Amino acid sequence: MDEIEFQLLKRIAQGESQVLDFKFAVNDSRKIARSMSAFSNTDGGSLLIGVKDNGSLAGIRSEEEIYMAESAATIHCKPEVSFKSVLYEIQSKEILEIIIPARPKVLTLAPAENGTDIAWLRFRDSNHPAGIVYERVWKRRKSEYGVKISIAEQHKILLDIFVAKGQLSLAQLIEETGFTSRLTRKTLEQLILVNLADFCLTENGMRYCLRGE
C-alpha cells in the first residue's frame, strides 16, 4: 500500500464530516450541486464518489459520473463552482475525489427539491438550506451601504423571546411573536445586521439566537 492509498483510506475510515461527503454514485447532478454549494459557502471540502455511506468502496461505475459532477458544478451551481478532481485506484476500484474550495466572497446557490435556487451550508456531515434570512443578510453585509436601525417594539419583543426560549427556527419565531412572516424576517435581519442576534446552524437546520450564545 503506497502513501496516497494509505492516506485516502485513513480519511474514509474517519467517516463523513464537515469537510467530507461520501457518494456511492452520482445519479442526480442537482444533489451533487447541493454539496458543492454547501462546501463552497462553509469551509470547503471534498466529495468522494464511489464510496458508500458506511465507508466501503464501491468505485465509480462509468465516465457518466464524472460528467454528472461537472454538470453539477457548471449548470446547477450559481455562480459556477470551480473544483479540482483526482481519480484514485484503490483495491482495484476507481474513486473520484471532487475538491471544492471555500468561497467567502461568493454565495453559491443550488436547486432545492422544488427547483428553486437557494444557498446551502454544511453542518457536520449534512447539508442544510441557509434560509432566506441568511441570504438577505449576506447580501446586505456585502453591500457598500452601512446598517443603522432604531430599536423599536418589535425588536424588543424578538430579543425577549430569545432570552426566554433560546435558539428558535424562523417558523417558531413567527409563531412566538404573532407577527407576519415578512415583519419577523425583517426584524430578525436587522437584529443580526447590528450584531444583537445571530445564525445558529444545527443538525436540525437553521436556528436563530442572541449574539454570543
C-alpha atoms as a PDB file:
ATOM      1  CA  MET A   1       0.000   0.000   0.000  1.00  0.00           C
ATOM      2  CA  ASP A   2       1.503   3.325  -1.045  1.00  0.00           C
ATOM      3  CA  GLU A   3       1.219   6.576   0.926  1.00  0.00           C
ATOM      4  CA  ILE A   4      -1.580   8.028  -1.239  1.00  0.00           C
ATOM      5  CA  GLU A   5      -3.744   4.936  -0.784  1.00  0.00           C
ATOM      6  CA  PHE A   6      -2.994   4.847   2.944  1.00  0.00           C
ATOM      7  CA  GLN A   7      -3.989   8.494   3.451  1.00  0.00           C
ATOM      8  CA  LEU A   8      -7.198   8.118   1.440  1.00  0.00           C
ATOM      9  CA  LEU A   9      -8.278   5.008   3.345  1.00  0.00           C
ATOM     10  CA  LYS A  10      -7.471   6.800   6.604  1.00  0.00           C
ATOM     11  CA  ARG A  11      -9.747   9.703   5.644  1.00  0.00           C
ATOM     12  CA  ILE A  12     -12.530   7.310   4.652  1.00  0.00           C
ATOM     13  CA  ALA A  13     -12.187   5.418   7.948  1.00  0.00           C
ATOM     14  CA  GLN A  14     -12.752   8.684   9.839  1.00  0.00           C
ATOM     15  CA  GLY A  15     -16.164   8.988   8.175  1.00  0.00           C
ATOM     16  CA  GLU A  16     -18.173  11.837   6.718  1.00  0.00           C
ATOM     17  CA  SER A  17     -17.652  15.228   8.302  1.00  0.00           C
ATOM     18  CA  GLN A  18     -17.937  18.975   7.865  1.00  0.00           C
ATOM     19  CA  VAL A  19     -15.431  18.754   5.015  1.00  0.00           C
ATOM     20  CA  LEU A  20     -16.011  15.263   3.600  1.00  0.00           C
ATOM     21  CA  ASP A  21     -19.055  13.738   1.895  1.00  0.00           C
ATOM     22  CA  PHE A  22     -19.341  10.186   0.533  1.00  0.00           C
ATOM     23  CA  LYS A  23     -21.369   9.436  -2.586  1.00  0.00           C
ATOM     24  CA  PHE A  24     -21.983   5.845  -3.655  1.00  0.00           C
ATOM     25  CA  ALA A  25     -22.908   7.054  -7.132  1.00  0.00           C
ATOM     26  CA  VAL A  26     -23.837  10.223  -8.985  1.00  0.00           C
ATOM     27  CA  ASN A  27     -27.335   9.742 -10.350  1.00  0.00           C
ATOM     28  CA  ASP A  28     -28.664  13.258  -9.768  1.00  0.00           C
ATOM     29  CA  SER A  29     -26.389  16.199 -10.530  1.00  0.00           C
ATOM     30  CA  ARG A  30     -28.676  18.528  -8.545  1.00  0.00           C
ATOM     31  CA  LYS A  31     -27.936  16.629  -5.315  1.00  0.00           C
ATOM     32  CA  ILE A  32     -24.215  16.880  -6.007  1.00  0.00           C
ATOM     33  CA  ALA A  33     -24.679  20.609  -6.629  1.00  0.00           C
ATOM     34  CA  ARG A  34     -26.142  20.989  -3.117  1.00  0.00           C
ATOM     35  CA  SER A  35     -22.998  19.516  -1.581  1.00  0.00           C
ATOM     36  CA  MET A  36     -20.863  21.764  -3.770  1.00  0.00           C
ATOM     37  CA  SER A  37     -22.882  24.796  -2.684  1.00  0.00           C
ATOM     38  CA  ALA A  38     -22.651  23.796   0.986  1.00  0.00           C
ATOM     39  CA  PHE A  39     -18.883  23.263   0.872  1.00  0.00           C
ATOM     40  CA  SER A  40     -18.352  26.466  -1.092  1.00  0.00           C
ATOM     41  CA  ASN A  41     -20.417  28.511   1.380  1.00  0.00           C
ATOM     42  CA  THR A  42     -18.907  26.954   4.511  1.00  0.00           C
ATOM     43  CA  ASP A  43     -15.361  25.619   4.943  1.00  0.00           C
ATOM     44  CA  GLY A  44     -14.707  23.964   1.602  1.00  0.00           C
ATOM     45  CA  GLY A  45     -14.473  20.191   1.355  1.00  0.00           C
ATOM     46  CA  SER A  46     -14.350  17.058  -0.761  1.00  0.00           C
ATOM     47  CA  LEU A  47     -16.823  14.691  -2.338  1.00  0.00           C
ATOM     48  CA  LEU A  48     -15.586  11.114  -2.563  1.00  0.00           C
ATOM     49  CA  ILE A  49     -17.584   9.450  -5.315  1.00  0.00           C
ATOM     50  CA  GLY A  50     -17.622   5.672  -5.323  1.00  0.00           C
ATOM     51  CA  VAL A  51     -17.687   5.381  -1.514  1.00  0.00           C
ATOM     52  CA  LYS A  52     -20.762   4.126   0.353  1.00  0.00           C
ATOM     53  CA  ASP A  53     -22.114   5.858   3.467  1.00  0.00           C
ATOM     54  CA  ASN A  54     -20.549   3.159   5.657  1.00  0.00           C
ATOM     55  CA  GLY A  55     -17.132   3.805   4.111  1.00  0.00           C
ATOM     56  CA  SER A  56     -16.932   0.684   1.954  1.00  0.00           C
ATOM     57  CA  LEU A  57     -15.512   1.148  -1.522  1.00  0.00           C
ATOM     58  CA  ALA A  58     -17.836   0.701  -4.486  1.00  0.00           C
ATOM     59  CA  GLY A  59     -15.896   2.530  -7.168  1.00  0.00           C
ATOM     60  CA  ILE A  60     -17.301   4.783  -9.852  1.00  0.00           C
ATOM     61  CA  ARG A  61     -19.255   2.925 -12.480  1.00  0.00           C
ATOM     62  CA  SER A  62     -18.670   4.963 -15.602  1.00  0.00           C
ATOM     63  CA  GLU A  63     -17.405   8.189 -17.103  1.00  0.00           C
ATOM     64  CA  GLU A  64     -21.023   9.357 -16.891  1.00  0.00           C
ATOM     65  CA  GLU A  65     -20.499  10.030 -13.181  1.00  0.00           C
ATOM     66  CA  ILE A  66     -17.583  12.338 -13.953  1.00  0.00           C
ATOM     67  CA  TYR A  67     -19.766  14.167 -16.466  1.00  0.00           C
ATOM     68  CA  MET A  68     -22.584  14.463 -13.884  1.00  0.00           C
ATOM     69  CA  ALA A  69     -20.191  16.040 -11.376  1.00  0.00           C
ATOM     70  CA  GLU A  70     -19.074  18.565 -13.989  1.00  0.00           C
ATOM     71  CA  SER A  71     -22.712  19.259 -14.835  1.00  0.00           C
ATOM     72  CA  ALA A  72     -23.486  19.892 -11.151  1.00  0.00           C
ATOM     73  CA  ALA A  73     -20.708  22.475 -10.917  1.00  0.00           C
ATOM     74  CA  THR A  74     -21.291  24.266 -14.208  1.00  0.00           C
ATOM     75  CA  ILE A  75     -25.055  24.048 -14.753  1.00  0.00           C
ATOM     76  CA  HIS A  76     -26.720  23.673 -11.354  1.00  0.00           C
ATOM     77  CA  CYS A  77     -24.399  25.783  -9.166  1.00  0.00           C
ATOM     78  CA  LYS A  78     -24.887  29.528  -9.474  1.00  0.00           C
ATOM     79  CA  PRO A  79     -22.403  31.018  -9.893  1.00  0.00           C
ATOM     80  CA  GLU A  80     -20.437  28.142 -11.377  1.00  0.00           C
ATOM     81  CA  VAL A  81     -18.157  26.289  -8.953  1.00  0.00           C
ATOM     82  CA  SER A  82     -14.534  25.626  -9.843  1.00  0.00           C
ATOM     83  CA  PHE A  83     -13.205  22.359  -8.488  1.00  0.00           C
ATOM     84  CA  LYS A  84     -10.221  20.060  -8.665  1.00  0.00           C
ATOM     85  CA  SER A  85     -10.743  16.370  -9.399  1.00  0.00           C
ATOM     86  CA  VAL A  86      -8.459  13.461  -8.529  1.00  0.00           C
ATOM     87  CA  LEU A  87      -9.015   9.882  -9.685  1.00  0.00           C
ATOM     88  CA  TYR A  88      -7.615   7.168  -7.402  1.00  0.00           C
ATOM     89  CA  GLU A  89      -7.340   3.446  -7.999  1.00  0.00           C
ATOM     90  CA  ILE A  90      -7.774   1.732  -4.643  1.00  0.00           C
ATOM     91  CA  GLN A  91      -8.262  -2.008  -4.189  1.00  0.00           C
ATOM     92  CA  SER A  92      -8.944  -2.351  -7.933  1.00  0.00           C
ATOM     93  CA  LYS A  93     -11.691   0.290  -7.733  1.00  0.00           C
ATOM     94  CA  GLU A  94     -11.674   3.844  -9.054  1.00  0.00           C
ATOM     95  CA  ILE A  95     -12.591   6.544  -6.525  1.00  0.00           C
ATOM     96  CA  LEU A  96     -13.198  10.093  -7.718  1.00  0.00           C
ATOM     97  CA  GLU A  97     -12.454  12.994  -5.387  1.00  0.00           C
ATOM     98  CA  ILE A  98     -14.034  16.368  -6.126  1.00  0.00           C
ATOM     99  CA  ILE A  99     -12.314  19.125  -4.125  1.00  0.00           C
ATOM    100  CA  ILE A 100     -14.343  22.313  -3.622  1.00  0.00           C
ATOM    101  CA  PRO A 101     -12.662  25.367  -2.075  1.00  0.00           C
ATOM    102  CA  ALA A 102     -14.465  27.724   0.286  1.00  0.00           C
ATOM    103  CA  ARG A 103     -15.514  30.996  -1.371  1.00  0.00           C
ATOM    104  CA  PRO A 104     -16.281  33.517   1.399  1.00  0.00           C
ATOM    105  CA  LYS A 105     -16.814  36.349  -1.094  1.00  0.00           C
ATOM    106  CA  VAL A 106     -19.388  34.427  -3.150  1.00  0.00           C
ATOM    107  CA  LEU A 107     -22.736  32.941  -2.120  1.00  0.00           C
ATOM    108  CA  THR A 108     -23.256  29.783  -4.168  1.00  0.00           C
ATOM    109  CA  LEU A 109     -26.793  28.601  -4.905  1.00  0.00           C
ATOM    110  CA  ALA A 110     -28.042  25.152  -5.930  1.00  0.00           C
ATOM    111  CA  PRO A 111     -31.528  23.742  -6.585  1.00  0.00           C
ATOM    112  CA  ALA A 112     -33.846  22.757  -3.742  1.00  0.00           C
ATOM    113  CA  GLU A 113     -36.321  19.894  -4.194  1.00  0.00           C
ATOM    114  CA  ASN A 114     -38.843  22.314  -5.730  1.00  0.00           C
ATOM    115  CA  GLY A 115     -36.270  23.580  -8.237  1.00  0.00           C
ATOM    116  CA  THR A 116     -35.694  26.967  -6.574  1.00  0.00           C
ATOM    117  CA  ASP A 117     -32.043  28.009  -6.384  1.00  0.00           C
ATOM    118  CA  ILE A 118     -31.058  28.556  -2.746  1.00  0.00           C
ATOM    119  CA  ALA A 119     -27.878  28.762  -0.668  1.00  0.00           C
ATOM    120  CA  TRP A 120     -26.746  25.656   1.231  1.00  0.00           C
ATOM    121  CA  LEU A 121     -24.494  25.320   4.280  1.00  0.00           C
ATOM    122  CA  ARG A 122     -22.593  22.357   5.699  1.00  0.00           C
ATOM    123  CA  PHE A 123     -23.018  21.293   9.335  1.00  0.00           C
ATOM    124  CA  ARG A 124     -21.094  18.217  10.426  1.00  0.00           C
ATOM    125  CA  ASP A 125     -21.989  15.548   7.849  1.00  0.00           C
ATOM    126  CA  SER A 126     -25.139  17.140   6.389  1.00  0.00           C
ATOM    127  CA  ASN A 127     -26.165  19.909   4.008  1.00  0.00           C
ATOM    128  CA  HIS A 128     -28.842  22.380   5.108  1.00  0.00           C
ATOM    129  CA  PRO A 129     -30.674  25.259   3.406  1.00  0.00           C
ATOM    130  CA  ALA A 130     -29.195  28.542   4.621  1.00  0.00           C
ATOM    131  CA  GLY A 131     -32.604  30.206   4.516  1.00  0.00           C
ATOM    132  CA  ILE A 132     -33.909  33.472   3.119  1.00  0.00           C
ATOM    133  CA  VAL A 133     -32.756  35.450   6.178  1.00  0.00           C
ATOM    134  CA  TYR A 134     -29.169  34.239   5.730  1.00  0.00           C
ATOM    135  CA  GLU A 135     -29.197  35.084   2.027  1.00  0.00           C
ATOM    136  CA  ARG A 136     -30.584  38.580   2.595  1.00  0.00           C
ATOM    137  CA  VAL A 137     -28.174  39.338   5.455  1.00  0.00           C
ATOM    138  CA  TRP A 138     -25.222  38.046   3.413  1.00  0.00           C
ATOM    139  CA  LYS A 139     -26.117  40.394   0.550  1.00  0.00           C
ATOM    140  CA  ARG A 140     -26.597  43.365   2.896  1.00  0.00           C
ATOM    141  CA  ARG A 141     -23.225  42.754   4.526  1.00  0.00           C
ATOM    142  CA  LYS A 142     -21.559  42.718   1.113  1.00  0.00           C
ATOM    143  CA  SER A 143     -23.209  45.965   0.023  1.00  0.00           C
ATOM    144  CA  GLU A 144     -21.446  49.309   0.274  1.00  0.00           C
ATOM    145  CA  TYR A 145     -24.143  50.786   2.475  1.00  0.00           C
ATOM    146  CA  GLY A 146     -23.956  50.658   6.262  1.00  0.00           C
ATOM    147  CA  VAL A 147     -26.719  49.437   8.536  1.00  0.00           C
ATOM    148  CA  LYS A 148     -28.474  51.675  11.020  1.00  0.00           C
ATOM    149  CA  ILE A 149     -31.697  50.896  12.845  1.00  0.00           C
ATOM    150  CA  SER A 150     -33.709  52.378  15.661  1.00  0.00           C
ATOM    151  CA  ILE A 151     -34.696  49.769  18.223  1.00  0.00           C
ATOM    152  CA  ALA A 152     -38.479  49.560  18.162  1.00  0.00           C
ATOM    153  CA  GLU A 153     -41.065  47.464  19.967  1.00  0.00           C
ATOM    154  CA  GLN A 154     -40.789  44.554  17.512  1.00  0.00           C
ATOM    155  CA  HIS A 155     -37.035  44.330  18.119  1.00  0.00           C
ATOM    156  CA  LYS A 156     -37.535  44.264  21.890  1.00  0.00           C
ATOM    157  CA  ILE A 157     -40.174  41.536  21.579  1.00  0.00           C
ATOM    158  CA  LEU A 158     -37.869  39.362  19.491  1.00  0.00           C
ATOM    159  CA  LEU A 159     -34.937  39.872  21.868  1.00  0.00           C
ATOM    160  CA  ASP A 160     -37.118  38.986  24.866  1.00  0.00           C
ATOM    161  CA  ILE A 161     -38.200  35.777  23.118  1.00  0.00           C
ATOM    162  CA  PHE A 162     -34.566  34.808  22.531  1.00  0.00           C
ATOM    163  CA  VAL A 163     -33.800  35.410  26.221  1.00  0.00           C
ATOM    164  CA  ALA A 164     -36.724  33.215  27.267  1.00  0.00           C
ATOM    165  CA  LYS A 165     -36.586  30.492  24.611  1.00  0.00           C
ATOM    166  CA  GLY A 166     -33.009  30.321  23.294  1.00  0.00           C
ATOM    167  CA  GLN A 167     -32.452  29.034  19.755  1.00  0.00           C
ATOM    168  CA  LEU A 168     -35.535  29.089  17.525  1.00  0.00           C
ATOM    169  CA  SER A 169     -36.350  28.479  13.873  1.00  0.00           C
ATOM    170  CA  LEU A 170     -37.946  31.168  11.731  1.00  0.00           C
ATOM    171  CA  ALA A 171     -41.286  29.336  11.872  1.00  0.00           C
ATOM    172  CA  GLN A 172     -41.085  29.220  15.669  1.00  0.00           C
ATOM    173  CA  LEU A 173     -40.270  32.934  15.825  1.00  0.00           C
ATOM    174  CA  ILE A 174     -43.272  33.765  13.650  1.00  0.00           C
ATOM    175  CA  GLU A 175     -45.481  31.715  15.967  1.00  0.00           C
ATOM    176  CA  GLU A 176     -43.994  33.201  19.148  1.00  0.00           C
ATOM    177  CA  THR A 177     -44.214  36.829  18.016  1.00  0.00           C
ATOM    178  CA  GLY A 178     -47.543  36.653  16.236  1.00  0.00           C
ATOM    179  CA  PHE A 179     -46.007  38.906  13.575  1.00  0.00           C
ATOM    180  CA  THR A 180     -46.415  38.362   9.860  1.00  0.00           C
ATOM    181  CA  SER A 181     -43.643  36.319   8.282  1.00  0.00           C
ATOM    182  CA  ARG A 182     -42.395  39.424   6.457  1.00  0.00           C
ATOM    183  CA  LEU A 183     -42.168  41.525   9.637  1.00  0.00           C
ATOM    184  CA  THR A 184     -40.496  38.683  11.537  1.00  0.00           C
ATOM    185  CA  ARG A 185     -37.874  38.219   8.812  1.00  0.00           C
ATOM    186  CA  LYS A 186     -37.197  41.947   8.526  1.00  0.00           C
ATOM    187  CA  THR A 187     -36.863  42.399  12.297  1.00  0.00           C
ATOM    188  CA  LEU A 188     -34.605  39.357  12.583  1.00  0.00           C
ATOM    189  CA  GLU A 189     -32.405  40.534   9.707  1.00  0.00           C
ATOM    190  CA  GLN A 190     -31.969  43.925  11.356  1.00  0.00           C
ATOM    191  CA  LEU A 191     -31.009  42.398  14.706  1.00  0.00           C
ATOM    192  CA  ILE A 192     -28.427  40.174  13.015  1.00  0.00           C
ATOM    193  CA  LEU A 193     -27.007  43.058  10.983  1.00  0.00           C
ATOM    194  CA  VAL A 194     -26.381  45.114  14.143  1.00  0.00           C
ATOM    195  CA  ASN A 195     -24.910  42.066  15.938  1.00  0.00           C
ATOM    196  CA  LEU A 196     -27.659  41.598  18.516  1.00  0.00           C
ATOM    197  CA  ALA A 197     -28.805  38.251  17.092  1.00  0.00           C
ATOM    198  CA  ASP A 198     -27.033  35.557  15.111  1.00  0.00           C
ATOM    199  CA  PHE A 199     -27.371  32.418  12.999  1.00  0.00           C
ATOM    200  CA  CYS A 200     -27.129  29.061  14.788  1.00  0.00           C
ATOM    201  CA  LEU A 201     -26.832  26.197  12.301  1.00  0.00           C
ATOM    202  CA  THR A 202     -27.740  22.883  13.947  1.00  0.00           C
ATOM    203  CA  GLU A 203     -28.266  19.272  12.904  1.00  0.00           C
ATOM    204  CA  ASN A 204     -31.967  20.152  12.612  1.00  0.00           C
ATOM    205  CA  GLY A 205     -31.344  23.099  10.307  1.00  0.00           C
ATOM    206  CA  MET A 206     -31.009  26.848  10.722  1.00  0.00           C
ATOM    207  CA  ARG A 207     -31.901  28.390  14.060  1.00  0.00           C
ATOM    208  CA  TYR A 208     -31.506  31.934  15.390  1.00  0.00           C
ATOM    209  CA  CYS A 209     -30.339  33.135  18.781  1.00  0.00           C
ATOM    210  CA  LEU A 210     -28.838  36.027  20.704  1.00  0.00           C
ATOM    211  CA  ARG A 211     -25.346  37.001  19.603  1.00  0.00           C
ATOM    212  CA  GLY A 212     -22.710  35.083  21.560  1.00  0.00           C
ATOM    213  CA  GLU A 213     -24.953  32.203  22.649  1.00  0.00           C
END
